[in-house]
Amino acid sequence: MSGFSWTVKQEANVFWWFERGGHYLRCEAQQMATGGYELRIVTPDGSERVEHFDDSNDLTKRQHDVIDEITREGWTGPHGWVL
């Protein structure tokens, strides 16, 4: 994926949506108050997958891998913002 970074700003929650056939998949990246980082993927049926990382570089690498997987599965995006 070229030119896109999910790097999480300190104490920021970052949300992205991907769309496929009128359904939406949500990805969230956030720095945890207890330390470390969390990557949460919420599927259209509401099921969630959560991964934890101690290092922001590991989170960023995994985020790029997830985007590659999602786009190969036909999802478009990302669409999103930082809160």
C-alpha atoms as a PDB file:
ATOM      1  CA  MET A   1       0.000   0.000   0.000  1.00  0.00           C
ATOM      2  CA  SER A   2       1.684   3.196  -1.084  1.00  0.00           C
ATOM      3  CA  GLY A   3       1.619   6.550   0.644  1.00  0.00           C
ATOM      4  CA  PHE A   4      -0.703   5.695   3.514  1.00  0.00           C
ATOM      5  CA  SER A   5       0.136   5.387   7.201  1.00  0.00           C
ATOM      6  CA  TRP A   6      -2.029   4.461  10.157  1.00  0.00           C
ATOM      7  CA  THR A   7       0.449   5.752  12.698  1.00  0.00           C
ATOM      8  CA  VAL A   8      -1.450   6.506  15.893  1.00  0.00           C
ATOM      9  CA  LYS A   9      -0.872   9.925  17.400  1.00  0.00           C
ATOM     10  CA  GLN A  10      -0.345   9.987  21.151  1.00  0.00           C
ATOM     11  CA  GLU A  11      -3.686   9.490  22.935  1.00  0.00           C
ATOM     12  CA  ALA A  12      -5.626   9.501  19.646  1.00  0.00           C
ATOM     13  CA  ASN A  13      -8.182   7.022  18.400  1.00  0.00           C
ATOM     14  CA  VAL A  14      -8.003   6.390  14.675  1.00  0.00           C
ATOM     15  CA  PHE A  15     -10.963   4.864  12.822  1.00  0.00           C
ATOM     16  CA  TRP A  16     -11.175   3.620   9.256  1.00  0.00           C
ATOM     17  CA  TRP A  17     -14.055   2.113   7.347  1.00  0.00           C
ATOM     18  CA  PHE A  18     -13.860  -0.144   4.352  1.00  0.00           C
ATOM     19  CA  GLU A  19     -16.887  -0.791   2.117  1.00  0.00           C
ATOM     20  CA  ARG A  20     -17.832  -3.812   0.049  1.00  0.00           C
ATOM     21  CA  GLY A  21     -21.269  -4.359  -1.459  1.00  0.00           C
ATOM     22  CA  GLY A  22     -22.972  -1.887   0.871  1.00  0.00           C
ATOM     23  CA  HIS A  23     -21.444  -3.457   3.996  1.00  0.00           C
ATOM     24  CA  TYR A  24     -18.848  -1.803   6.204  1.00  0.00           C
ATOM     25  CA  LEU A  25     -15.839  -3.154   8.056  1.00  0.00           C
ATOM     26  CA  ARG A  26     -14.358  -0.917  10.759  1.00  0.00           C
ATOM     27  CA  CYS A  27     -10.741  -0.800  11.895  1.00  0.00           C
ATOM     28  CA  GLU A  28      -9.647   1.091  14.998  1.00  0.00           C
ATOM     29  CA  ALA A  29      -6.153   1.818  16.270  1.00  0.00           C
ATOM     30  CA  GLN A  30      -5.551   3.378  19.643  1.00  0.00           C
ATOM     31  CA  GLN A  31      -2.975   3.925  22.310  1.00  0.00           C
ATOM     32  CA  MET A  32      -4.091   2.293  25.541  1.00  0.00           C
ATOM     33  CA  ALA A  33      -4.130   4.193  28.847  1.00  0.00           C
ATOM     34  CA  THR A  34      -2.420   1.185  30.429  1.00  0.00           C
ATOM     35  CA  GLY A  35       0.364   1.286  27.830  1.00  0.00           C
ATOM     36  CA  GLY A  36       0.772  -0.274  24.439  1.00  0.00           C
ATOM     37  CA  TYR A  37      -1.546  -0.178  21.467  1.00  0.00           C
ATOM     38  CA  GLU A  38      -4.664  -1.937  20.281  1.00  0.00           C
ATOM     39  CA  LEU A  39      -5.868  -2.782  16.787  1.00  0.00           C
ATOM     40  CA  ARG A  40      -9.562  -3.685  16.620  1.00  0.00           C
ATOM     41  CA  ILE A  41     -11.326  -4.972  13.503  1.00  0.00           C
ATOM     42  CA  VAL A  42     -15.137  -5.031  13.555  1.00  0.00           C
ATOM     43  CA  THR A  43     -16.871  -6.976  10.786  1.00  0.00           C
ATOM     44  CA  PRO A  44     -20.299  -6.122   9.322  1.00  0.00           C
ATOM     45  CA  ASP A  45     -21.971  -8.724  11.584  1.00  0.00           C
ATOM     46  CA  GLY A  46     -20.494  -7.034  14.683  1.00  0.00           C
ATOM     47  CA  SER A  47     -17.859  -9.624  15.518  1.00  0.00           C
ATOM     48  CA  GLU A  48     -14.539  -8.198  16.655  1.00  0.00           C
ATOM     49  CA  ARG A  49     -10.902  -9.198  16.478  1.00  0.00           C
ATOM     50  CA  VAL A  50      -8.528  -7.376  18.824  1.00  0.00           C
ATOM     51  CA  GLU A  51      -4.740  -7.453  18.672  1.00  0.00           C
ATOM     52  CA  HIS A  52      -2.377  -5.859  21.223  1.00  0.00           C
ATOM     53  CA  PHE A  53       1.073  -4.386  20.567  1.00  0.00           C
ATOM     54  CA  ASP A  54       3.769  -3.033  22.870  1.00  0.00           C
ATOM     55  CA  ASP A  55       5.482  -1.034  20.134  1.00  0.00           C
ATOM     56  CA  SER A  56       3.957   1.481  17.708  1.00  0.00           C
ATOM     57  CA  ASN A  57       6.195   0.204  14.892  1.00  0.00           C
ATOM     58  CA  ASP A  58       4.725  -3.299  15.291  1.00  0.00           C
ATOM     59  CA  LEU A  59       1.218  -1.809  15.226  1.00  0.00           C
ATOM     60  CA  THR A  60       1.987   0.149  12.053  1.00  0.00           C
ATOM     61  CA  LYS A  61       3.394  -2.937  10.302  1.00  0.00           C
ATOM     62  CA  ARG A  62       0.321  -4.992  11.237  1.00  0.00           C
ATOM     63  CA  GLN A  63      -2.000  -2.197  10.078  1.00  0.00           C
ATOM     64  CA  HIS A  64      -0.368  -2.222   6.642  1.00  0.00           C
ATOM     65  CA  ASP A  65      -0.722  -6.024   6.502  1.00  0.00           C
ATOM     66  CA  VAL A  66      -4.415  -5.778   7.450  1.00  0.00           C
ATOM     67  CA  ILE A  67      -5.080  -3.142   4.768  1.00  0.00           C
ATOM     68  CA  ASP A  68      -3.403  -5.379   2.185  1.00  0.00           C
ATOM     69  CA  GLU A  69      -5.552  -8.362   3.293  1.00  0.00           C
ATOM     70  CA  ILE A  70      -8.761  -6.327   3.270  1.00  0.00           C
ATOM     71  CA  THR A  71      -8.172  -4.838  -0.178  1.00  0.00           C
ATOM     72  CA  ARG A  72      -7.319  -8.261  -1.619  1.00  0.00           C
ATOM     73  CA  GLU A  73     -10.727  -9.411  -0.321  1.00  0.00           C
ATOM     74  CA  GLY A  74     -12.443  -6.658  -2.351  1.00  0.00           C
ATOM     75  CA  TRP A  75     -12.989  -4.003   0.321  1.00  0.00           C
ATOM     76  CA  THR A  76     -12.550  -0.365  -0.770  1.00  0.00           C
ATOM     77  CA  GLY A  77     -11.079   2.330   1.387  1.00  0.00           C
ATOM     78  CA  PRO A  78      -9.829   3.263   3.794  1.00  0.00           C
ATOM     79  CA  HIS A  79     -12.248   6.035   4.691  1.00  0.00           C
ATOM     80  CA  GLY A  80     -11.819   7.552   8.150  1.00  0.00           C
ATOM     81  CA  TRP A  81     -10.447  10.094  10.556  1.00  0.00           C
ATOM     82  CA  VAL A  82      -8.602  10.761  13.794  1.00  0.00           C
ATOM     83  CA  LEU A  83     -10.629  11.622  16.920  1.00  0.00           C
END
